[in-house]
């Protein structure tokens, strides 16, 4: 029978081996969880707007735009909205939005649900819209899915 000192040493050794195993398994798992989650992770700008105070852009998943899963009428897609307030020295924020193409395919609705703002309806051909009352009023938007960043010039 092992002495009490040997039993304590064996228990401590087993404890340290278990900790090393846990650390090793986490080290192996960490890179896998840090990878982008498939095609949904790649985004492309679909809409660019500019007001006197800020620039707004809408990004949608690349897989929605360039595959057979294109944005269909009455279908809602999760995307991102950027509000660039660099000119006001407030930086640039990125927030999730829901984007829906209207049934008649004439407007796209951007729902800024995280801030509780009313949805913004934007004509597909572009136009002037209000995103919110603080920075996004009278924003001139280019055509939906236009990749020309100089649409307003």
Foldseek 3Di string as FASTA:
>chain_A
DDDPVVVVVVVVVVVVVVVVVVVVVCVVVVVVVPDDDPQQRAWDWFKWKDDPQWIKTKIGGPCQPPHPNDQDAQDKGKTKMKTARVVVVPGIDIAIWIWHQHNVRQWIWTGRVVVPDDIWIAGQQWDFTAPDDPGRHRITMHHTRDPDPPRPD
